Amino acid sequence: MTTYIFFDEALYMLVKAFLMSVVLLIGTSGIGLAVIETIEKSAVRVHPKRLPGG
């Protein structure tokens, strides 16, 4: 027994997967940018000439 997927159903699945991946990518990049911004705001600034070994 062979089951076939019609072209329009396959195309619908691919479009749905693509849109889901775009949403996930935008969401995770937004979270990542928020984390980076929080780290930058809370970081203690040190003058480059005062770094050890510099």
PDB file of N, CA and C in Angstrom:
ATOM      1  N   MET A   1       0.845  -1.180   0.000  1.00  0.00           N
ATOM      2  CA  MET A   1       0.000   0.000   0.000  1.00  0.00           C
ATOM      3  C   MET A   1       0.887   1.239   0.000  1.00  0.00           C
ATOM      4  N   THR A   2       0.649   2.106  -0.931  1.00  0.00           N
ATOM      5  CA  THR A   2       1.422   3.335  -1.051  1.00  0.00           C
ATOM      6  C   THR A   2       0.514   4.526  -0.805  1.00  0.00           C
ATOM      7  N   THR A   3       0.994   5.423   0.050  1.00  0.00           N
ATOM      8  CA  THR A   3       0.212   6.636   0.289  1.00  0.00           C
ATOM      9  C   THR A   3       0.943   7.806  -0.342  1.00  0.00           C
ATOM     10  N   TYR A   4       0.210   8.659  -0.980  1.00  0.00           N
ATOM     11  CA  TYR A   4       0.770   9.813  -1.655  1.00  0.00           C
ATOM     12  C   TYR A   4       0.304  11.090  -0.972  1.00  0.00           C
ATOM     13  N   ILE A   5       1.159  12.104  -1.035  1.00  0.00           N
ATOM     14  CA  ILE A   5       0.793  13.426  -0.565  1.00  0.00           C
ATOM     15  C   ILE A   5       0.601  14.296  -1.802  1.00  0.00           C
ATOM     16  N   PHE A   6      -0.542  14.918  -1.890  1.00  0.00           N
ATOM     17  CA  PHE A   6      -0.791  15.787  -3.031  1.00  0.00           C
ATOM     18  C   PHE A   6       0.105  17.015  -2.947  1.00  0.00           C
ATOM     19  N   PHE A   7       0.362  17.610  -4.106  1.00  0.00           N
ATOM     20  CA  PHE A   7       1.286  18.748  -4.179  1.00  0.00           C
ATOM     21  C   PHE A   7       0.816  19.914  -3.322  1.00  0.00           C
ATOM     22  N   ASP A   8      -0.478  20.220  -3.360  1.00  0.00           N
ATOM     23  CA  ASP A   8      -0.959  21.364  -2.581  1.00  0.00           C
ATOM     24  C   ASP A   8      -0.842  21.118  -1.081  1.00  0.00           C
ATOM     25  N   GLU A   9      -1.010  19.870  -0.640  1.00  0.00           N
ATOM     26  CA  GLU A   9      -0.837  19.554   0.776  1.00  0.00           C
ATOM     27  C   GLU A   9       0.631  19.652   1.181  1.00  0.00           C
ATOM     28  N   ALA A  10       1.508  19.178   0.320  1.00  0.00           N
ATOM     29  CA  ALA A  10       2.947  19.255   0.613  1.00  0.00           C
ATOM     30  C   ALA A  10       3.405  20.709   0.646  1.00  0.00           C
ATOM     31  N   LEU A  11       2.918  21.499  -0.277  1.00  0.00           N
ATOM     32  CA  LEU A  11       3.272  22.913  -0.311  1.00  0.00           C
ATOM     33  C   LEU A  11       2.751  23.622   0.930  1.00  0.00           C
ATOM     34  N   TYR A  12       1.543  23.286   1.356  1.00  0.00           N
ATOM     35  CA  TYR A  12       0.973  23.870   2.564  1.00  0.00           C
ATOM     36  C   TYR A  12       1.830  23.522   3.786  1.00  0.00           C
ATOM     37  N   MET A  13       2.274  22.275   3.878  1.00  0.00           N
ATOM     38  CA  MET A  13       3.113  21.871   5.008  1.00  0.00           C
ATOM     39  C   MET A  13       4.450  22.607   5.002  1.00  0.00           C
ATOM     40  N   LEU A  14       5.045  22.769   3.819  1.00  0.00           N
ATOM     41  CA  LEU A  14       6.320  23.481   3.731  1.00  0.00           C
ATOM     42  C   LEU A  14       6.178  24.956   4.096  1.00  0.00           C
ATOM     43  N   VAL A  15       5.113  25.589   3.623  1.00  0.00           N
ATOM     44  CA  VAL A  15       4.878  26.994   3.949  1.00  0.00           C
ATOM     45  C   VAL A  15       4.634  27.148   5.443  1.00  0.00           C
ATOM     46  N   LYS A  16       3.863  26.254   6.019  1.00  0.00           N
ATOM     47  CA  LYS A  16       3.577  26.297   7.452  1.00  0.00           C
ATOM     48  C   LYS A  16       4.867  26.117   8.260  1.00  0.00           C
ATOM     49  N   ALA A  17       5.720  25.184   7.861  1.00  0.00           N
ATOM     50  CA  ALA A  17       6.988  24.966   8.562  1.00  0.00           C
ATOM     51  C   ALA A  17       7.901  26.171   8.417  1.00  0.00           C
ATOM     52  N   PHE A  18       7.922  26.772   7.241  1.00  0.00           N
ATOM     53  CA  PHE A  18       8.754  27.956   7.023  1.00  0.00           C
ATOM     54  C   PHE A  18       8.294  29.113   7.900  1.00  0.00           C
ATOM     55  N   LEU A  19       6.991  29.361   7.942  1.00  0.00           N
ATOM     56  CA  LEU A  19       6.477  30.456   8.749  1.00  0.00           C
ATOM     57  C   LEU A  19       6.717  30.211  10.235  1.00  0.00           C
ATOM     58  N   MET A  20       6.586  28.970  10.671  1.00  0.00           N
ATOM     59  CA  MET A  20       6.873  28.653  12.070  1.00  0.00           C
ATOM     60  C   MET A  20       8.342  28.888  12.392  1.00  0.00           C
ATOM     61  N   SER A  21       9.234  28.543  11.478  1.00  0.00           N
ATOM     62  CA  SER A  21      10.657  28.759  11.722  1.00  0.00           C
ATOM     63  C   SER A  21      10.987  30.245  11.752  1.00  0.00           C
ATOM     64  N   VAL A  22      10.318  31.040  10.920  1.00  0.00           N
ATOM     65  CA  VAL A  22      10.540  32.490  10.941  1.00  0.00           C
ATOM     66  C   VAL A  22      10.086  33.071  12.277  1.00  0.00           C
ATOM     67  N   VAL A  23       8.929  32.656  12.745  1.00  0.00           N
ATOM     68  CA  VAL A  23       8.419  33.150  14.036  1.00  0.00           C
ATOM     69  C   VAL A  23       9.365  32.754  15.165  1.00  0.00           C
ATOM     70  N   LEU A  24       9.834  31.511  15.164  1.00  0.00           N
ATOM     71  CA  LEU A  24      10.760  31.067  16.204  1.00  0.00           C
ATOM     72  C   LEU A  24      12.076  31.820  16.137  1.00  0.00           C
ATOM     73  N   LEU A  25      12.575  32.066  14.948  1.00  0.00           N
ATOM     74  CA  LEU A  25      13.831  32.801  14.791  1.00  0.00           C
ATOM     75  C   LEU A  25      13.704  34.231  15.303  1.00  0.00           C
ATOM     76  N   ILE A  26      12.625  34.904  14.954  1.00  0.00           N
ATOM     77  CA  ILE A  26      12.419  36.276  15.426  1.00  0.00           C
ATOM     78  C   ILE A  26      12.253  36.294  16.943  1.00  0.00           C
ATOM     79  N   GLY A  27      11.526  35.327  17.472  1.00  0.00           N
ATOM     80  CA  GLY A  27      11.323  35.268  18.920  1.00  0.00           C
ATOM     81  C   GLY A  27      12.607  35.018  19.682  1.00  0.00           C
ATOM     82  N   THR A  28      13.397  34.065  19.243  1.00  0.00           N
ATOM     83  CA  THR A  28      14.642  33.769  19.943  1.00  0.00           C
ATOM     84  C   THR A  28      15.662  34.885  19.775  1.00  0.00           C
ATOM     85  N   SER A  29      15.679  35.545  18.629  1.00  0.00           N
ATOM     86  CA  SER A  29      16.616  36.659  18.471  1.00  0.00           C
ATOM     87  C   SER A  29      16.202  37.827  19.356  1.00  0.00           C
ATOM     88  N   GLY A  30      14.908  38.044  19.525  1.00  0.00           N
ATOM     89  CA  GLY A  30      14.433  39.084  20.434  1.00  0.00           C
ATOM     90  C   GLY A  30      14.825  38.797  21.871  1.00  0.00           C
ATOM     91  N   ILE A  31      14.691  37.539  22.273  1.00  0.00           N
ATOM     92  CA  ILE A  31      15.094  37.154  23.626  1.00  0.00           C
ATOM     93  C   ILE A  31      16.600  37.316  23.787  1.00  0.00           C
ATOM     94  N   GLY A  32      17.355  36.899  22.783  1.00  0.00           N
ATOM     95  CA  GLY A  32      18.809  37.034  22.839  1.00  0.00           C
ATOM     96  C   GLY A  32      19.256  38.482  22.934  1.00  0.00           C
ATOM     97  N   LEU A  33      18.621  39.357  22.155  1.00  0.00           N
ATOM     98  CA  LEU A  33      18.961  40.778  22.225  1.00  0.00           C
ATOM     99  C   LEU A  33      18.614  41.368  23.584  1.00  0.00           C
ATOM    100  N   ALA A  34      17.509  40.935  24.176  1.00  0.00           N
ATOM    101  CA  ALA A  34      17.137  41.420  25.503  1.00  0.00           C
ATOM    102  C   ALA A  34      18.157  40.974  26.547  1.00  0.00           C
ATOM    103  N   VAL A  35      18.634  39.743  26.436  1.00  0.00           N
ATOM    104  CA  VAL A  35      19.641  39.239  27.368  1.00  0.00           C
ATOM    105  C   VAL A  35      20.944  40.015  27.209  1.00  0.00           C
ATOM    106  N   ILE A  36      21.361  40.248  25.987  1.00  0.00           N
ATOM    107  CA  ILE A  36      22.599  40.994  25.741  1.00  0.00           C
ATOM    108  C   ILE A  36      22.472  42.415  26.280  1.00  0.00           C
ATOM    109  N   GLU A  37      21.330  43.045  26.066  1.00  0.00           N
ATOM    110  CA  GLU A  37      21.130  44.400  26.556  1.00  0.00           C
ATOM    111  C   GLU A  37      21.178  44.439  28.083  1.00  0.00           C
ATOM    112  N   THR A  38      20.576  43.446  28.732  1.00  0.00           N
ATOM    113  CA  THR A  38      20.611  43.381  30.193  1.00  0.00           C
ATOM    114  C   THR A  38      22.030  43.199  30.698  1.00  0.00           C
ATOM    115  N   ILE A  39      22.802  42.349  30.035  1.00  0.00           N
ATOM    116  CA  ILE A  39      24.189  42.126  30.438  1.00  0.00           C
ATOM    117  C   ILE A  39      24.997  43.407  30.261  1.00  0.00           C
ATOM    118  N   GLU A  40      24.792  44.097  29.155  1.00  0.00           N
ATOM    119  CA  GLU A  40      25.532  45.337  28.912  1.00  0.00           C
ATOM    120  C   GLU A  40      25.171  46.415  29.929  1.00  0.00           C
ATOM    121  N   LYS A  41      23.922  46.503  30.324  1.00  0.00           N
ATOM    122  CA  LYS A  41      23.510  47.517  31.291  1.00  0.00           C
ATOM    123  C   LYS A  41      24.060  47.225  32.679  1.00  0.00           C
ATOM    124  N   SER A  42      24.180  45.937  33.033  1.00  0.00           N
ATOM    125  CA  SER A  42      24.628  45.587  34.369  1.00  0.00           C
ATOM    126  C   SER A  42      26.143  45.422  34.464  1.00  0.00           C
ATOM    127  N   ALA A  43      26.841  45.415  33.351  1.00  0.00           N
ATOM    128  CA  ALA A  43      28.285  45.193  33.360  1.00  0.00           C
ATOM    129  C   ALA A  43      29.002  46.422  33.919  1.00  0.00           C
ATOM    130  N   VAL A  44      30.070  46.158  34.666  1.00  0.00           N
ATOM    131  CA  VAL A  44      30.894  47.232  35.202  1.00  0.00           C
ATOM    132  C   VAL A  44      31.900  47.608  34.129  1.00  0.00           C
ATOM    133  N   ARG A  45      31.942  48.878  33.807  1.00  0.00           N
ATOM    134  CA  ARG A  45      32.850  49.347  32.766  1.00  0.00           C
ATOM    135  C   ARG A  45      34.252  49.514  33.343  1.00  0.00           C
ATOM    136  N   VAL A  46      35.236  48.965  32.659  1.00  0.00           N
ATOM    137  CA  VAL A  46      36.633  49.078  33.073  1.00  0.00           C
ATOM    138  C   VAL A  46      37.390  49.741  31.937  1.00  0.00           C
ATOM    139  N   HIS A  47      38.213  50.705  32.287  1.00  0.00           N
ATOM    140  CA  HIS A  47      39.026  51.393  31.285  1.00  0.00           C
ATOM    141  C   HIS A  47      40.010  50.392  30.685  1.00  0.00           C
ATOM    142  N   PRO A  48      40.187  50.360  29.364  1.00  0.00           N
ATOM    143  CA  PRO A  48      41.074  49.353  28.740  1.00  0.00           C
ATOM    144  C   PRO A  48      42.502  49.368  29.272  1.00  0.00           C
ATOM    145  N   LYS A  49      43.028  50.520  29.675  1.00  0.00           N
ATOM    146  CA  LYS A  49      44.411  50.571  30.153  1.00  0.00           C
ATOM    147  C   LYS A  49      44.550  49.988  31.548  1.00  0.00           C
ATOM    148  N   ARG A  50      43.435  49.808  32.250  1.00  0.00           N
ATOM    149  CA  ARG A  50      43.476  49.264  33.607  1.00  0.00           C
ATOM    150  C   ARG A  50      43.291  47.752  33.619  1.00  0.00           C
ATOM    151  N   LEU A  51      43.113  47.137  32.497  1.00  0.00           N
ATOM    152  CA  LEU A  51      42.963  45.699  32.447  1.00  0.00           C
ATOM    153  C   LEU A  51      44.290  45.018  32.765  1.00  0.00           C
ATOM    154  N   PRO A  52      44.255  43.908  33.489  1.00  0.00           N
ATOM    155  CA  PRO A  52      45.505  43.204  33.789  1.00  0.00           C
ATOM    156  C   PRO A  52      46.152  42.651  32.524  1.00  0.00           C
ATOM    157  N   GLY A  53      47.429  42.744  32.460  1.00  0.00           N
ATOM    158  CA  GLY A  53      48.173  42.231  31.315  1.00  0.00           C
ATOM    159  C   GLY A  53      48.149  43.163  30.128  1.00  0.00           C
ATOM    160  N   GLY A  54      47.610  44.362  30.264  1.00  0.00           N
ATOM    161  CA  GLY A  54      47.478  45.265  29.137  1.00  0.00           C
ATOM    162  C   GLY A  54      48.454  46.316  29.145  1.00  0.00           C
TER     163      GLY A  54
END
